[in-house]
């Protein structure tokens, strides 16, 4: 297939592009490099541009994609509180802009990167039919974008799937992004620094490997499904202390652990059921947290080539 990936130079995007290329797809990456940093592999075409630009529209029309994976987004929950207007523009208006482009291209398949944040603070194993209750502008924006997908898909017959990612981890996340606990812990162990944990470390998250997420994106593009929202997750929660223990084993080191006051409590526990994706998409996670953290540790110093300033349409 011909597949366009917005945000394809970023963390999830770069892994997704690698998976698509290895599977034989023809790929176009559009990324403004505000967060993206990984050079797309040959023979990927790529364009340094904002999705709102006319240049992006022109290149998409020339490429004539059969599917679009929309990964370009603001992803920091705290930053969405500090600048909700920016979050709204990029995550909601950007999605609408791309939907309109897909409509003009002739009902191109649309795969949307949504988030567990739409569920808010739900302590159980959450399934897709449960009512969303976002507790941040970021989560609200992702939910609003899903609503646009539903409306545009119905009105203009655009085939679409929304994938609600759990906490994605893996190699090649930027050090400047401080929220990925797996990456942060691995880097601190490498630099022989203590691991700093907010609260007592009992907070749990549903961690899913970026390799599994990339495979889900690939399957969504090649699927005949439309109009479905699916969790991409492991189905169980792991505590922050478990992450620390797995990385201690992977590194064969014993870093000091420092506990600090938790401050404002966010989501204490998070786990999403992957059963729907398994039933409809034929997807389920292949990487355990222990395997994924070992892989992350072995690659913590092996960064991919950075994107240069030269772009090709």
Protein backbone atom coordinates (compact mmCIF):
# COMPACT_ATOMS: atom_id res chain seq x y z
CA UNK A 1 0.00 0.00 0.00
CA UNK A 2 0.91 3.66 -0.29
CA UNK A 3 0.74 4.97 3.27
CA UNK A 4 1.33 8.51 4.57
CA UNK A 5 2.46 8.86 8.18
CA UNK A 6 2.16 12.21 9.93
CA UNK A 7 4.63 12.52 12.78
CA UNK A 8 6.65 9.73 11.16
CA UNK A 9 9.97 11.04 12.48
CA UNK A 10 8.83 10.77 16.10
CA UNK A 11 9.01 7.98 18.65
CA UNK A 12 6.00 5.87 17.65
CA UNK A 13 6.11 7.19 14.10
CA UNK A 14 9.67 6.06 13.36
CA UNK A 15 8.98 2.53 14.59
CA UNK A 16 5.76 2.44 12.57
CA UNK A 17 7.56 3.58 9.43
CA UNK A 18 10.21 0.88 9.88
CA UNK A 19 7.49 -1.76 10.22
CA UNK A 20 5.67 -0.55 7.10
CA UNK A 21 8.87 -0.45 5.03
CA UNK A 22 9.92 -3.92 6.16
CA UNK A 23 6.46 -5.19 5.17
CA UNK A 24 6.87 -3.75 1.66
CA UNK A 25 4.64 -0.67 1.86
CA UNK A 26 5.47 2.60 0.08
CA UNK A 27 5.69 5.34 2.71
CA UNK A 28 5.54 9.12 2.85
CA UNK A 29 6.48 10.84 6.13
CA UNK A 30 5.24 14.34 6.95
CA UNK A 31 6.75 15.82 10.09
CA UNK A 32 7.48 19.41 11.11
CA UNK A 33 10.30 18.18 13.40
CA UNK A 34 8.92 20.06 16.40
CA UNK A 35 9.27 16.75 18.25
CA UNK A 36 10.33 14.27 15.58
CA UNK A 37 14.01 13.45 15.36
CA UNK A 38 14.51 10.09 13.58
CA UNK A 39 15.56 10.02 9.93
CA UNK A 40 13.14 7.92 7.85
CA UNK A 41 14.90 4.95 6.21
CA UNK A 42 15.36 4.64 2.45
CA UNK A 43 13.34 4.54 0.26
CA UNK A 44 10.85 6.53 2.34
CA UNK A 45 9.84 9.91 0.96
CA UNK A 46 9.61 12.62 3.57
CA UNK A 47 8.60 16.21 3.90
CA UNK A 48 9.46 18.66 6.65
CA UNK A 49 6.21 20.58 6.94
CA UNK A 50 3.32 21.45 9.20
CA UNK A 51 0.14 19.52 8.40
CA UNK A 52 -1.66 22.87 7.97
CA UNK A 53 0.72 23.95 5.18
CA UNK A 54 -0.16 24.02 1.52
CA UNK A 55 3.06 22.13 0.83
CA UNK A 56 1.80 19.18 2.88
CA UNK A 57 -1.48 19.20 0.95
CA UNK A 58 0.33 19.32 -2.40
CA UNK A 59 2.69 16.44 -1.53
CA UNK A 60 -0.20 14.31 -0.25
CA UNK A 61 -2.13 14.86 -3.47
CA UNK A 62 0.92 13.88 -5.53
CA UNK A 63 1.60 10.79 -3.40
CA UNK A 64 -2.06 9.65 -3.52
CA UNK A 65 -2.00 7.56 -0.33
CA UNK A 66 -4.38 4.66 0.16
CA UNK A 67 -4.13 5.12 3.92
CA UNK A 68 -3.00 7.77 6.39
CA UNK A 69 -1.71 7.09 9.90
CA UNK A 70 -2.15 10.28 11.90
CA UNK A 71 0.47 10.35 14.67
CA UNK A 72 1.41 14.03 14.65
CA UNK A 73 0.25 15.42 17.99
CA UNK A 74 1.08 17.14 21.23
CA UNK A 75 1.49 14.33 23.76
CA UNK A 76 2.27 16.01 27.10
CA UNK A 77 -0.69 16.00 29.51
CA UNK A 78 0.77 18.68 31.77
CA UNK A 79 1.60 20.92 28.81
CA UNK A 80 -2.02 20.61 27.67
CA UNK A 81 -3.03 22.39 30.90
CA UNK A 82 -0.37 25.07 30.46
CA UNK A 83 -1.30 25.81 26.85
CA UNK A 84 -4.68 24.28 26.01
CA UNK A 85 -5.04 26.41 22.89
CA UNK A 86 -1.94 24.83 21.36
CA UNK A 87 -3.17 21.35 22.28
CA UNK A 88 -6.55 22.11 20.70
CA UNK A 89 -5.03 23.41 17.48
CA UNK A 90 -2.60 20.56 16.93
CA UNK A 91 -4.60 17.60 18.22
CA UNK A 92 -8.14 18.56 17.19
CA UNK A 93 -7.85 21.08 14.37
CA UNK A 94 -4.88 19.16 12.93
CA UNK A 95 -6.99 15.99 12.80
CA UNK A 96 -9.84 17.85 11.12
CA UNK A 97 -7.43 19.33 8.59
CA UNK A 98 -6.15 15.86 7.71
CA UNK A 99 -9.67 14.44 7.51
CA UNK A 100 -10.56 17.12 4.99
CA UNK A 101 -7.46 16.28 2.97
CA UNK A 102 -8.40 12.58 3.01
CA UNK A 103 -11.90 13.50 1.81
CA UNK A 104 -10.46 15.50 -1.08
CA UNK A 105 -8.23 12.54 -1.97
CA UNK A 106 -11.21 10.22 -2.27
CA UNK A 107 -12.09 8.51 1.02
CA UNK A 108 -8.57 7.50 2.03
CA UNK A 109 -8.41 5.09 4.99
CA UNK A 110 -7.70 7.04 8.19
CA UNK A 111 -5.93 5.48 11.18
CA UNK A 112 -5.97 7.75 14.21
CA UNK A 113 -3.63 7.58 17.20
CA UNK A 114 -5.88 8.08 20.20
CA UNK A 115 -5.05 7.54 23.86
CA UNK A 116 -5.98 5.86 27.13
CA UNK A 117 -6.35 9.44 28.42
CA UNK A 118 -9.91 9.52 27.07
CA UNK A 119 -10.95 7.16 29.89
CA UNK A 120 -9.67 9.32 32.74
CA UNK A 121 -9.28 7.83 36.22
CA UNK A 122 -10.93 4.43 35.82
CA UNK A 123 -9.41 1.90 38.27
CA UNK A 124 -10.59 -1.25 36.47
CA UNK A 125 -9.56 -2.95 33.23
CA UNK A 126 -11.29 -0.61 30.81
CA UNK A 127 -13.12 -1.70 27.69
CA UNK A 128 -14.06 0.48 24.74
CA UNK A 129 -17.81 0.55 25.48
CA UNK A 130 -17.28 2.19 28.88
CA UNK A 131 -18.09 5.92 28.95
CA UNK A 132 -15.05 8.16 28.48
CA UNK A 133 -14.24 10.68 31.21
CA UNK A 134 -11.09 12.61 30.25
CA UNK A 135 -9.48 14.56 33.07
CA UNK A 136 -7.09 16.72 31.02
CA UNK A 137 -7.27 18.92 27.91
CA UNK A 138 -5.11 16.31 26.17
CA UNK A 139 -7.62 13.53 26.84
CA UNK A 140 -10.52 15.79 25.92
CA UNK A 141 -8.81 16.70 22.65
CA UNK A 142 -8.27 13.06 21.71
CA UNK A 143 -11.91 12.28 22.47
CA UNK A 144 -13.07 15.29 20.42
CA UNK A 145 -10.93 14.17 17.49
CA UNK A 146 -12.56 10.73 17.70
CA UNK A 147 -15.95 12.39 17.45
CA UNK A 148 -14.84 14.19 14.29
CA UNK A 149 -13.73 10.82 12.89
CA UNK A 150 -17.16 9.34 13.56
CA UNK A 151 -18.97 12.30 12.01
CA UNK A 152 -16.74 12.68 8.94
CA UNK A 153 -16.65 8.93 8.41
CA UNK A 154 -20.44 8.78 8.40
CA UNK A 155 -20.99 11.91 6.32
CA UNK A 156 -18.24 11.42 3.74
CA UNK A 157 -17.79 7.62 3.79
CA UNK A 158 -14.20 7.85 5.00
CA UNK A 159 -13.05 4.46 6.35
CA UNK A 160 -11.42 4.96 9.74
CA UNK A 161 -10.09 3.25 12.85
CA UNK A 162 -9.11 4.87 16.15
CA UNK A 163 -6.48 3.10 18.26
CA UNK A 164 -6.38 4.05 21.92
CA UNK A 165 -2.77 3.47 22.96
CA UNK A 166 -1.89 2.62 26.54
CA UNK A 167 1.53 3.78 27.92
CA UNK A 168 3.90 3.18 25.02
CA UNK A 169 7.57 2.52 25.81
CA UNK A 170 10.65 1.44 23.88
CA UNK A 171 13.92 2.68 22.38
CA UNK A 172 14.54 5.94 20.53
CA UNK A 173 12.36 8.22 22.62
CA UNK A 174 13.98 11.63 23.02
CA UNK A 175 15.75 12.37 26.30
CA UNK A 176 14.14 15.80 26.25
CA UNK A 177 10.74 14.16 26.76
CA UNK A 178 10.72 13.65 30.56
CA UNK A 179 7.46 11.73 30.99
CA UNK A 180 8.42 8.27 29.73
CA UNK A 181 9.32 6.55 32.99
CA UNK A 182 10.92 3.54 31.28
CA UNK A 183 13.26 5.68 29.21
CA UNK A 184 14.00 8.03 32.12
CA UNK A 185 14.88 5.17 34.47
CA UNK A 186 17.09 3.45 31.87
CA UNK A 187 19.02 6.65 31.20
CA UNK A 188 19.46 7.38 34.91
CA UNK A 189 20.76 3.86 35.55
CA UNK A 190 23.18 4.26 32.65
CA UNK A 191 24.43 7.54 34.15
CA UNK A 192 24.63 5.97 37.62
CA UNK A 193 22.04 8.31 39.07
CA UNK A 194 19.33 7.41 41.60
CA UNK A 195 15.83 6.56 40.42
CA UNK A 196 13.41 9.22 41.65
CA UNK A 197 9.86 8.01 42.30
CA UNK A 198 6.89 10.20 43.12
CA UNK A 199 4.93 8.70 46.01
CA UNK A 200 5.50 5.08 46.98
CA UNK A 201 5.78 3.65 43.45
CA UNK A 202 2.52 1.72 43.66
CA UNK A 203 0.96 3.70 40.79
CA UNK A 204 0.33 1.29 37.93
CA UNK A 205 0.20 1.74 34.19
CA UNK A 206 -0.61 -0.47 31.22
CA UNK A 207 2.74 -0.55 29.41
CA UNK A 208 2.76 -1.63 25.76
CA UNK A 209 5.86 -1.98 23.59
CA UNK A 210 6.31 0.44 20.71
CA UNK A 211 7.02 -2.58 18.47
CA UNK A 212 3.55 -3.93 19.24
CA UNK A 213 2.03 -0.50 18.60
CA UNK A 214 3.78 -0.25 15.23
CA UNK A 215 2.37 -3.64 14.26
CA UNK A 216 -1.12 -2.52 15.28
CA UNK A 217 -0.80 0.55 13.06
CA UNK A 218 0.25 -1.66 10.15
CA UNK A 219 -2.67 -4.05 10.66
CA UNK A 220 -5.11 -1.13 10.92
CA UNK A 221 -3.99 0.19 7.53
CA UNK A 222 -4.37 -3.19 5.85
CA UNK A 223 -7.66 -4.06 7.55
CA UNK A 224 -11.08 -3.82 5.91
CA UNK A 225 -12.61 -2.66 9.19
CA UNK A 226 -14.11 0.79 9.54
CA UNK A 227 -15.76 2.82 12.27
CA UNK A 228 -14.15 0.99 15.18
CA UNK A 229 -12.34 2.21 18.29
CA UNK A 230 -9.88 -0.26 19.83
CA UNK A 231 -7.52 -0.36 22.78
CA UNK A 232 -3.89 -1.16 22.00
CA UNK A 233 -2.66 -2.36 25.34
CA UNK A 234 -1.30 -5.24 27.40
CA UNK A 235 -4.45 -5.70 29.48
CA UNK A 236 -2.74 -5.43 32.85
CA UNK A 237 -1.13 -2.80 35.03
CA UNK A 238 2.47 -2.76 36.24
CA UNK A 239 3.70 -0.53 39.03
CA UNK A 240 6.52 1.98 38.78
CA UNK A 241 8.46 -0.16 41.25
CA UNK A 242 8.11 -3.14 38.89
CA UNK A 243 9.61 -1.06 36.08
CA UNK A 244 12.55 -0.20 38.33
CA UNK A 245 13.08 -3.85 39.28
CA UNK A 246 13.00 -5.07 35.66
CA UNK A 247 15.58 -2.45 34.65
CA UNK A 248 17.79 -3.34 37.60
CA UNK A 249 17.81 -6.94 36.39
CA UNK A 250 18.40 -5.93 32.76
CA UNK A 251 21.31 -3.65 33.69
CA UNK A 252 22.75 -5.86 36.46
CA UNK A 253 23.05 -2.70 38.56
CA UNK A 254 21.58 -1.64 41.88
CA UNK A 255 20.66 2.05 41.60
CA UNK A 256 19.48 3.91 44.66
CA UNK A 257 15.74 4.60 44.73
CA UNK A 258 14.64 7.96 46.12
CA UNK A 259 11.00 8.53 47.04
CA UNK A 260 9.65 12.08 46.96
CA UNK A 261 6.19 13.47 47.80
CA UNK A 262 3.70 12.61 45.09
CA UNK A 263 2.14 16.07 44.77
CA UNK A 264 -1.01 16.28 42.69
CA UNK A 265 -2.44 12.80 42.14
CA UNK A 266 -3.25 11.97 38.54
CA UNK A 267 -4.48 8.56 37.40
CA UNK A 268 -3.44 6.09 40.12
CA UNK A 269 -4.11 2.92 38.13
CA UNK A 270 -4.60 2.31 34.44
CA UNK A 271 -5.23 -0.87 32.45
CA UNK A 272 -7.04 -1.37 29.14
CA UNK A 273 -8.49 -4.56 27.72
CA UNK A 274 -7.01 -5.54 24.32
CA UNK A 275 -9.73 -8.14 23.65
CA UNK A 276 -11.50 -6.14 20.93
CA UNK A 277 -8.29 -5.59 18.95
CA UNK A 278 -7.56 -9.31 19.23
CA UNK A 279 -11.03 -10.26 17.99
CA UNK A 280 -11.37 -7.72 15.16
CA UNK A 281 -7.83 -6.81 14.12
CA UNK A 282 -6.03 -10.05 14.93
CA UNK A 283 -3.65 -8.08 17.15
CA UNK A 284 -2.37 -8.86 20.61
CA UNK A 285 0.81 -7.81 22.41
CA UNK A 286 3.83 -10.02 21.78
CA UNK A 287 6.33 -8.26 24.06
CA UNK A 288 6.21 -8.74 27.82
CA UNK A 289 7.30 -5.80 29.97
CA UNK A 290 10.41 -7.70 31.07
CA UNK A 291 11.43 -8.45 27.47
CA UNK A 292 10.68 -4.92 26.33
CA UNK A 293 12.68 -3.29 29.12
CA UNK A 294 15.63 -5.57 28.44
CA UNK A 295 15.50 -4.51 24.78
CA UNK A 296 15.25 -0.85 25.85
CA UNK A 297 18.30 -1.21 28.09
CA UNK A 298 20.42 -2.78 25.34
CA UNK A 299 19.54 0.10 22.98
CA UNK A 300 19.62 3.04 25.38
CA UNK A 301 22.88 4.23 23.81
CA UNK A 302 22.10 3.32 20.20
CA UNK A 303 20.16 6.25 18.82
CA UNK A 304 19.06 6.28 15.17
CA UNK A 305 20.33 8.84 12.71
CA UNK A 306 18.87 12.27 13.34
CA UNK A 307 16.85 14.01 10.67
CA UNK A 308 18.83 16.52 8.68
CA UNK A 309 17.52 19.86 7.52
CA UNK A 310 17.08 18.65 3.96
CA UNK A 311 13.64 17.48 2.95
CA UNK A 312 12.24 15.88 -0.17
CA UNK A 313 8.69 16.01 -1.43
